[in-house]
Amino acid sequence: MALSAFPWVPLASLTAFAVASGYLMSLIPLALMPLGLPPELAAWLASAFYAGLLFGALWSARIVTRFGHRQALVLFMSVLLLSIAAMATIKAQGVWLLSRFVAGMAVAGVFVTIESWLLIADSERQRAKRLGFYMAALYGGNALGQLGVGYVGVTGAQPYWLIGSLVTAAIIVPLFVRHGEPPQEMGPVEHSGTLRSIRKAAYIACMVSGLTLGAIYGLLPLYLAERVDDHQQIGAMMALVIVGGMGGQPLLGGISTRVNRVLLMFYLSVVGLLAIVTIMVANSHWWLGVGLVILGGAVFAIYPVAIAYACATLAPGKIVAATEALLLAYSVGSVSGPVLAHQAFSGEQGLMMYLASCLLSTAVYMWIAYLRGRRQMPNLSAA
């Protein structure tokens, strides 16, 4: 099989998964009070999910290596489906925390499998193109899933049936279609030297992406509940964040191959800061929506740029290990993000202050790293 064959199987599975995931992420914090569960549980559920993501990132690549990309994807999606069934059946804090932890482990496997499947390509240009399709499918599906909050609701069994059906669809595609899987010889994980080959800026960016996105998914619905009127508007506003992230992906794929990626991550951080200021001072839903779109476009772009930056010079056999390592960095940030934002930044604008502090520190780091890289280039040329 040629590597250049378009990998529509993982993208189709990802799209169904992303719609389900987008709905579930907003459903969980909004469903707590109707079920008699404390709202404070939202931050712990988000952290439990990302703790599972962290744990899953430690061994997901081994599963991919042993079973191959297609069978591993079916396995991970099936575990996710079981965790959703447990939440739908038993409405108790302990069960939900355990289910979200298990779901995090499964989702880590989904990301490692699909990202490595797509990044095993013939050229950097093809990798960038595939990554653009990946992020568009992920964020587009997430945005569509947000609409379920308003049109399907957050109470009763119907939301869980819909989410479970979408995950089942994500299982069926790779279960019955064998087209496009990377050859087995491309699959073995090469940890030797891989971690040292990944640039430090990529690790930092993935961790910051986790710190910000973990808090956005876990706490932004609660922040928006204080500023808009009903669940349908919350779902629409969350969709705007993800639409912003999706909208920039077609441009990002081309720009990231032409612009220094460290400098690009600096620009993204600055744009994110401007978006946060817009959100904080917004005096209408229109301006709030504008700020959320820009915030999504900036924050959601950091992770794929970091992935492309890290994998640009790696051999195909090292890509699975690289995606695992970067997902691990993302997970470390994601685990602490929701709880840190909830506890360290209180008040009406606490979440925005937390996001601003993350992006400001990232902008400073990336600018210093960019200047340091420019100073080193003449020395390399002279040598």
Protein backbone atom coordinates (compact mmCIF):
# COMPACT_ATOMS: atom_id res chain seq x y z
CA MET A 1 0.00 0.00 0.00
CA ALA A 2 1.34 3.44 -0.90
CA LEU A 3 1.66 5.91 1.92
CA SER A 4 0.11 8.57 -0.31
CA ALA A 5 -3.32 6.85 -0.30
CA PHE A 6 -5.82 9.25 1.27
CA PRO A 7 -6.62 8.01 4.80
CA TRP A 8 -10.39 8.57 4.80
CA VAL A 9 -11.08 5.70 7.23
CA PRO A 10 -9.53 7.38 10.32
CA LEU A 11 -10.99 10.74 9.28
CA ALA A 12 -14.52 9.30 8.97
CA SER A 13 -14.19 7.59 12.35
CA LEU A 14 -12.75 10.78 13.86
CA THR A 15 -15.65 12.89 12.61
CA ALA A 16 -18.30 10.73 14.31
CA PHE A 17 -16.16 10.58 17.46
CA ALA A 18 -15.67 14.36 17.45
CA VAL A 19 -19.41 15.10 17.25
CA ALA A 20 -20.04 12.74 20.19
CA SER A 21 -17.11 14.18 22.15
CA GLY A 22 -18.16 17.79 21.59
CA TYR A 23 -21.67 17.11 22.85
CA LEU A 24 -20.45 15.07 25.83
CA MET A 25 -17.89 17.67 26.95
CA SER A 26 -20.56 20.37 27.26
CA LEU A 27 -23.25 17.98 28.48
CA ILE A 28 -21.32 16.83 31.56
CA PRO A 29 -20.97 20.16 33.47
CA LEU A 30 -24.50 21.25 32.55
CA ALA A 31 -26.09 17.92 33.55
CA LEU A 32 -24.76 17.96 37.12
CA MET A 33 -27.33 20.21 38.81
CA PRO A 34 -30.40 18.53 37.22
CA LEU A 35 -29.04 15.22 38.55
CA GLY A 36 -28.51 16.62 42.04
CA LEU A 37 -24.73 16.54 41.74
CA PRO A 38 -22.62 19.52 42.93
CA PRO A 39 -21.44 21.97 40.22
CA GLU A 40 -17.91 21.82 41.72
CA LEU A 41 -17.72 18.25 40.42
CA ALA A 42 -17.29 19.64 36.87
CA ALA A 43 -13.64 20.56 37.44
CA TRP A 44 -12.86 17.17 39.01
CA LEU A 45 -14.57 15.30 36.18
CA ALA A 46 -12.50 17.24 33.67
CA SER A 47 -9.33 16.47 35.61
CA ALA A 48 -10.28 12.78 35.91
CA PHE A 49 -10.69 12.65 32.14
CA TYR A 50 -7.33 14.25 31.53
CA ALA A 51 -5.69 12.06 34.18
CA GLY A 52 -6.91 9.11 32.14
CA LEU A 53 -5.55 10.82 29.04
CA LEU A 54 -2.19 11.13 30.79
CA PHE A 55 -2.18 7.48 31.86
CA GLY A 56 -3.34 6.30 28.45
CA ALA A 57 -0.62 8.29 26.71
CA LEU A 58 1.99 6.15 28.50
CA TRP A 59 1.03 2.91 26.76
CA SER A 60 -1.21 3.72 23.76
CA ALA A 61 1.64 3.41 21.26
CA ARG A 62 2.34 -0.14 22.42
CA ILE A 63 -1.25 -1.12 21.66
CA VAL A 64 -0.98 0.44 18.20
CA THR A 65 2.27 -1.43 17.59
CA ARG A 66 0.84 -4.77 18.68
CA PHE A 67 -2.55 -4.69 16.96
CA GLY A 68 -2.04 -2.24 14.11
CA HIS A 69 -3.78 1.08 13.61
CA ARG A 70 -7.18 -0.23 12.49
CA GLN A 71 -7.73 -2.81 15.24
CA ALA A 72 -6.32 -0.45 17.90
CA LEU A 73 -8.80 2.24 16.85
CA VAL A 74 -11.70 -0.22 17.19
CA LEU A 75 -10.46 -1.26 20.64
CA PHE A 76 -10.09 2.28 21.97
CA MET A 77 -13.48 3.40 20.63
CA SER A 78 -15.14 0.35 22.20
CA VAL A 79 -13.71 1.18 25.63
CA LEU A 80 -14.99 4.75 25.25
CA LEU A 81 -18.45 3.43 24.42
CA LEU A 82 -18.48 1.31 27.59
CA SER A 83 -17.58 4.35 29.72
CA ILE A 84 -20.48 6.33 28.24
CA ALA A 85 -22.86 3.44 28.92
CA ALA A 86 -21.75 3.39 32.56
CA MET A 87 -22.46 7.12 32.96
CA ALA A 88 -25.87 6.77 31.35
CA THR A 89 -26.79 3.87 33.63
CA ILE A 90 -25.47 5.00 37.03
CA LYS A 91 -25.76 8.67 38.04
CA ALA A 92 -23.27 8.70 40.94
CA GLN A 93 -20.13 10.77 41.58
CA GLY A 94 -17.78 7.81 41.96
CA VAL A 95 -19.04 6.07 38.82
CA TRP A 96 -18.81 9.24 36.77
CA LEU A 97 -15.27 10.01 37.97
CA LEU A 98 -14.14 6.46 37.15
CA SER A 99 -15.93 6.53 33.79
CA ARG A 100 -14.26 9.80 32.81
CA PHE A 101 -10.86 8.41 33.80
CA VAL A 102 -11.44 5.31 31.63
CA ALA A 103 -12.75 7.53 28.82
CA GLY A 104 -9.55 9.59 29.02
CA MET A 105 -7.42 6.47 28.59
CA ALA A 106 -9.46 5.44 25.56
CA VAL A 107 -9.34 8.90 23.98
CA ALA A 108 -5.55 8.99 24.41
CA GLY A 109 -5.43 5.84 22.31
CA VAL A 110 -7.77 7.34 19.73
CA PHE A 111 -5.55 10.41 19.33
CA VAL A 112 -2.27 8.48 19.16
CA THR A 113 -3.74 6.04 16.63
CA ILE A 114 -5.31 8.59 14.31
CA GLU A 115 -2.52 11.19 14.53
CA SER A 116 0.23 8.67 13.81
CA TRP A 117 -1.87 7.08 11.04
CA LEU A 118 -2.19 10.46 9.31
CA LEU A 119 1.37 11.66 9.95
CA ILE A 120 2.96 8.57 8.39
CA ALA A 121 3.14 10.20 4.96
CA ASP A 122 5.52 10.64 2.02
CA SER A 123 6.42 14.30 2.60
CA GLU A 124 6.11 17.20 5.04
CA ARG A 125 3.65 18.92 2.70
CA GLN A 126 1.44 15.83 2.73
CA ARG A 127 1.68 15.66 6.53
CA ALA A 128 0.59 19.30 6.80
CA LYS A 129 -2.34 18.66 4.44
CA ARG A 130 -3.46 15.59 6.37
CA LEU A 131 -3.08 17.41 9.69
CA GLY A 132 -5.29 20.19 8.34
CA PHE A 133 -8.01 17.65 7.46
CA TYR A 134 -7.55 16.06 10.90
CA MET A 135 -8.02 19.30 12.81
CA ALA A 136 -10.94 20.37 10.58
CA ALA A 137 -12.72 17.05 11.19
CA LEU A 138 -11.99 17.18 14.92
CA TYR A 139 -13.05 20.79 15.49
CA GLY A 140 -15.90 20.70 12.99
CA GLY A 141 -17.30 17.62 14.70
CA ASN A 142 -16.84 19.21 18.12
CA ALA A 143 -18.66 22.35 16.98
CA LEU A 144 -21.57 20.34 15.58
CA GLY A 145 -21.73 18.36 18.81
CA GLN A 146 -22.15 21.54 20.86
CA LEU A 147 -25.49 22.13 19.17
CA GLY A 148 -26.84 19.03 20.86
CA VAL A 149 -26.96 20.96 24.15
CA GLY A 150 -29.67 23.22 22.76
CA TYR A 151 -31.53 20.88 20.41
CA VAL A 152 -31.39 17.60 22.35
CA GLY A 153 -30.90 18.91 25.88
CA VAL A 154 -28.93 17.90 28.96
CA THR A 155 -31.48 15.77 30.81
CA GLY A 156 -32.94 12.32 30.33
CA ALA A 157 -31.53 9.34 28.43
CA GLN A 158 -31.71 10.79 24.92
CA PRO A 159 -28.34 12.64 25.03
CA TYR A 160 -26.51 9.45 26.03
CA TRP A 161 -28.26 7.38 23.36
CA LEU A 162 -27.24 9.90 20.69
CA ILE A 163 -23.64 10.07 21.91
CA GLY A 164 -23.42 6.28 22.14
CA SER A 165 -24.79 5.91 18.61
CA LEU A 166 -22.16 8.28 17.22
CA VAL A 167 -19.34 6.39 18.95
CA THR A 168 -20.79 3.15 17.56
CA ALA A 169 -20.61 4.66 14.08
CA ALA A 170 -16.97 5.56 14.76
CA ILE A 171 -16.33 1.89 15.57
CA ILE A 172 -18.12 0.48 12.53
CA VAL A 173 -15.99 2.33 9.94
CA PRO A 174 -12.56 0.86 10.87
CA LEU A 175 -14.15 -2.45 11.92
CA PHE A 176 -15.39 -3.29 8.44
CA VAL A 177 -13.18 -1.19 6.15
CA ARG A 178 -9.55 -2.27 5.81
CA HIS A 179 -8.50 0.34 3.26
CA GLY A 180 -5.67 2.78 3.94
CA GLU A 181 -3.98 1.32 7.03
CA PRO A 182 -0.20 1.97 7.21
CA PRO A 183 1.92 -1.10 6.39
CA GLN A 184 2.90 -3.15 9.42
CA GLU A 185 6.56 -2.35 8.85
CA MET A 186 5.76 1.32 9.45
CA GLY A 187 4.18 0.59 12.79
CA PRO A 188 6.93 -0.37 15.30
CA VAL A 189 7.58 2.29 17.91
CA GLU A 190 11.15 3.56 18.01
CA HIS A 191 11.64 5.22 21.38
CA SER A 192 15.41 5.24 21.10
CA GLY A 193 16.49 8.79 20.38
CA THR A 194 12.94 9.92 19.59
CA LEU A 195 12.35 11.88 22.78
CA ARG A 196 15.70 13.67 22.46
CA SER A 197 14.83 14.54 18.86
CA ILE A 198 11.68 16.45 19.83
CA ARG A 199 12.32 20.14 20.30
CA LYS A 200 11.63 21.68 23.71
CA ALA A 201 9.30 24.32 22.26
CA ALA A 202 7.03 21.54 20.97
CA TYR A 203 6.77 20.03 24.46
CA ILE A 204 6.02 23.42 26.01
CA ALA A 205 3.38 24.24 23.40
CA CYS A 206 1.61 20.89 23.85
CA MET A 207 1.57 21.33 27.63
CA VAL A 208 0.14 24.85 27.31
CA SER A 209 -2.43 23.55 24.84
CA GLY A 210 -3.53 21.07 27.50
CA LEU A 211 -3.61 23.73 30.22
CA THR A 212 -5.87 25.97 28.14
CA LEU A 213 -8.08 23.47 26.33
CA GLY A 214 -8.64 21.41 29.47
CA ALA A 215 -9.99 24.50 31.21
CA ILE A 216 -12.01 25.60 28.18
CA TYR A 217 -13.77 22.25 27.78
CA GLY A 218 -14.25 21.75 31.51
CA LEU A 219 -15.18 25.24 32.74
CA LEU A 220 -16.15 27.51 29.84
CA PRO A 221 -19.78 26.24 29.77
CA LEU A 222 -20.12 27.32 33.41
CA TYR A 223 -18.51 30.71 32.64
CA LEU A 224 -20.93 31.23 29.75
CA ALA A 225 -23.91 30.24 31.92
CA GLU A 226 -23.32 33.47 33.86
CA ARG A 227 -23.35 35.61 30.71
CA VAL A 228 -26.04 34.14 28.44
CA ASP A 229 -29.67 33.24 28.98
CA ASP A 230 -30.18 29.51 28.30
CA HIS A 231 -28.58 26.19 27.38
CA GLN A 232 -29.16 26.71 23.66
CA GLN A 233 -27.10 29.91 23.74
CA ILE A 234 -24.37 28.17 25.76
CA GLY A 235 -24.18 25.44 23.13
CA ALA A 236 -24.05 28.02 20.35
CA MET A 237 -21.28 29.98 22.10
CA MET A 238 -19.24 26.81 22.69
CA ALA A 239 -19.74 25.96 19.03
CA LEU A 240 -18.32 29.38 18.11
CA VAL A 241 -15.11 28.59 20.00
CA ILE A 242 -14.64 25.38 18.06
CA VAL A 243 -15.73 26.90 14.74
CA GLY A 244 -12.97 29.45 15.28
CA GLY A 245 -10.52 26.61 15.80
CA MET A 246 -11.77 24.80 12.71
CA GLY A 247 -11.87 27.89 10.51
CA GLY A 248 -8.16 28.54 10.76
CA GLN A 249 -7.07 25.00 9.92
CA PRO A 250 -7.12 25.24 6.09
CA LEU A 251 -4.86 28.32 6.26
CA LEU A 252 -2.73 26.87 9.05
CA GLY A 253 -1.66 23.86 6.98
CA GLY A 254 -0.12 26.10 4.33
CA ILE A 255 1.25 28.81 6.62
CA SER A 256 3.00 26.37 8.95
CA THR A 257 5.25 25.14 6.11
CA ARG A 258 6.30 28.71 5.18
CA VAL A 259 6.59 30.53 8.54
CA ASN A 260 8.93 29.70 11.40
CA ARG A 261 6.70 27.58 13.64
CA VAL A 262 8.09 28.95 16.90
CA LEU A 263 7.29 32.47 15.71
CA LEU A 264 3.87 31.26 14.58
CA MET A 265 3.13 29.94 18.10
CA PHE A 266 4.15 33.34 19.48
CA TYR A 267 1.67 35.05 17.15
CA LEU A 268 -1.08 32.60 18.12
CA SER A 269 -0.51 33.31 21.82
CA VAL A 270 -0.73 37.07 21.26
CA VAL A 271 -3.93 36.72 19.23
CA GLY A 272 -5.37 34.57 22.02
CA LEU A 273 -4.57 37.31 24.54
CA LEU A 274 -6.38 39.90 22.41
CA ALA A 275 -9.38 37.57 22.20
CA ILE A 276 -9.50 37.23 25.99
CA VAL A 277 -9.51 41.01 26.39
CA THR A 278 -12.42 41.18 23.92
CA ILE A 279 -14.37 38.55 25.88
CA MET A 280 -13.78 40.27 29.22
CA VAL A 281 -14.94 43.72 28.06
CA ALA A 282 -17.74 42.48 25.76
CA ASN A 283 -21.03 44.26 26.49
CA SER A 284 -23.13 42.24 24.03
CA HIS A 285 -23.54 38.66 22.86
CA TRP A 286 -22.21 39.72 19.46
CA TRP A 287 -18.84 40.88 20.83
CA LEU A 288 -18.70 37.90 23.17
CA GLY A 289 -19.14 35.64 20.14
CA VAL A 290 -16.41 37.47 18.21
CA GLY A 291 -14.00 37.04 21.11
CA LEU A 292 -14.82 33.34 21.42
CA VAL A 293 -14.26 32.71 17.71
CA ILE A 294 -10.85 34.41 17.82
CA LEU A 295 -9.92 32.60 21.04
CA GLY A 296 -10.78 29.25 19.46
CA GLY A 297 -8.82 30.08 16.31
CA ALA A 298 -5.71 30.88 18.36
CA VAL A 299 -5.78 28.29 21.15
CA PHE A 300 -6.85 25.30 19.07
CA ALA A 301 -4.08 25.99 16.55
CA ILE A 302 -1.19 25.69 19.03
CA TYR A 303 -1.30 21.88 19.33
CA PRO A 304 -1.21 21.03 15.58
CA VAL A 305 1.56 23.56 14.98
CA ALA A 306 3.57 21.97 17.79
CA ILE A 307 2.96 18.47 16.38
CA ALA A 308 4.06 19.55 12.89
CA TYR A 309 7.11 21.31 14.33
CA ALA A 310 8.14 18.20 16.27
CA CYS A 311 7.58 15.68 13.46
CA ALA A 312 9.06 17.71 10.60
CA THR A 313 12.46 16.00 10.77
CA LEU A 314 11.49 12.59 12.20
CA ALA A 315 11.59 9.28 10.33
CA PRO A 316 8.17 7.56 9.87
CA GLY A 317 9.09 4.81 12.35
CA LYS A 318 9.51 7.39 15.13
CA ILE A 319 6.24 9.24 14.58
CA VAL A 320 4.07 6.96 16.74
CA ALA A 321 6.49 7.44 19.66
CA ALA A 322 6.59 11.20 19.04
CA THR A 323 2.81 11.57 19.00
CA GLU A 324 2.65 9.55 22.23
CA ALA A 325 5.27 11.77 23.91
CA LEU A 326 3.56 14.99 22.81
CA LEU A 327 0.15 13.71 23.89
CA LEU A 328 1.74 12.96 27.26
CA ALA A 329 2.87 16.59 27.52
CA TYR A 330 -0.63 17.74 26.50
CA SER A 331 -2.15 15.46 29.13
CA VAL A 332 0.06 16.79 31.92
CA GLY A 333 -1.32 20.25 31.23
CA SER A 334 -4.87 19.00 30.81
CA VAL A 335 -4.92 17.20 34.16
CA SER A 336 -3.98 20.28 36.16
CA GLY A 337 -5.70 22.91 33.99
CA PRO A 338 -9.35 22.68 35.15
CA VAL A 339 -8.55 22.35 38.86
CA LEU A 340 -5.83 25.02 38.74
CA ALA A 341 -8.14 27.45 36.96
CA HIS A 342 -10.95 26.73 39.42
CA GLN A 343 -8.89 27.06 42.60
CA ALA A 344 -6.23 29.66 41.77
CA PHE A 345 -8.37 32.13 39.81
CA SER A 346 -11.66 32.96 41.50
CA GLY A 347 -14.23 35.60 40.65
CA GLU A 348 -16.38 36.33 37.61
CA GLN A 349 -13.41 36.60 35.24
CA GLY A 350 -11.26 33.95 36.93
CA LEU A 351 -11.25 31.60 33.93
CA MET A 352 -10.24 34.40 31.55
CA MET A 353 -7.43 35.52 33.87
CA TYR A 354 -6.15 31.95 34.00
CA LEU A 355 -6.18 31.61 30.20
CA ALA A 356 -4.46 34.99 29.85
CA SER A 357 -1.66 33.97 32.22
CA CYS A 358 -1.08 30.74 30.25
CA LEU A 359 -0.94 32.51 26.88
CA LEU A 360 1.19 35.41 28.11
CA SER A 361 3.85 33.08 29.50
CA THR A 362 3.76 31.07 26.26
CA ALA A 363 4.21 34.21 24.14
CA VAL A 364 7.24 35.25 26.20
CA TYR A 365 8.81 31.79 25.97
CA MET A 366 8.25 31.45 22.21
CA TRP A 367 9.65 34.91 21.51
CA ILE A 368 12.80 34.12 23.49
CA ALA A 369 13.11 30.73 21.77
CA TYR A 370 12.69 32.35 18.35
CA LEU A 371 15.39 34.96 19.04
CA ARG A 372 17.72 32.28 20.40
CA GLY A 373 17.18 30.18 17.27
CA ARG A 374 17.98 33.14 15.02
CA ARG A 375 21.23 33.77 16.89
CA GLN A 376 22.24 30.14 16.48
CA MET A 377 21.60 30.01 12.72
CA PRO A 378 24.57 32.19 11.69
CA ASN A 379 26.84 30.07 13.86
CA LEU A 380 25.62 26.90 12.14
CA SER A 381 26.14 28.46 8.73
CA ALA A 382 29.68 29.50 9.64
CA ALA A 383 30.46 26.02 10.89
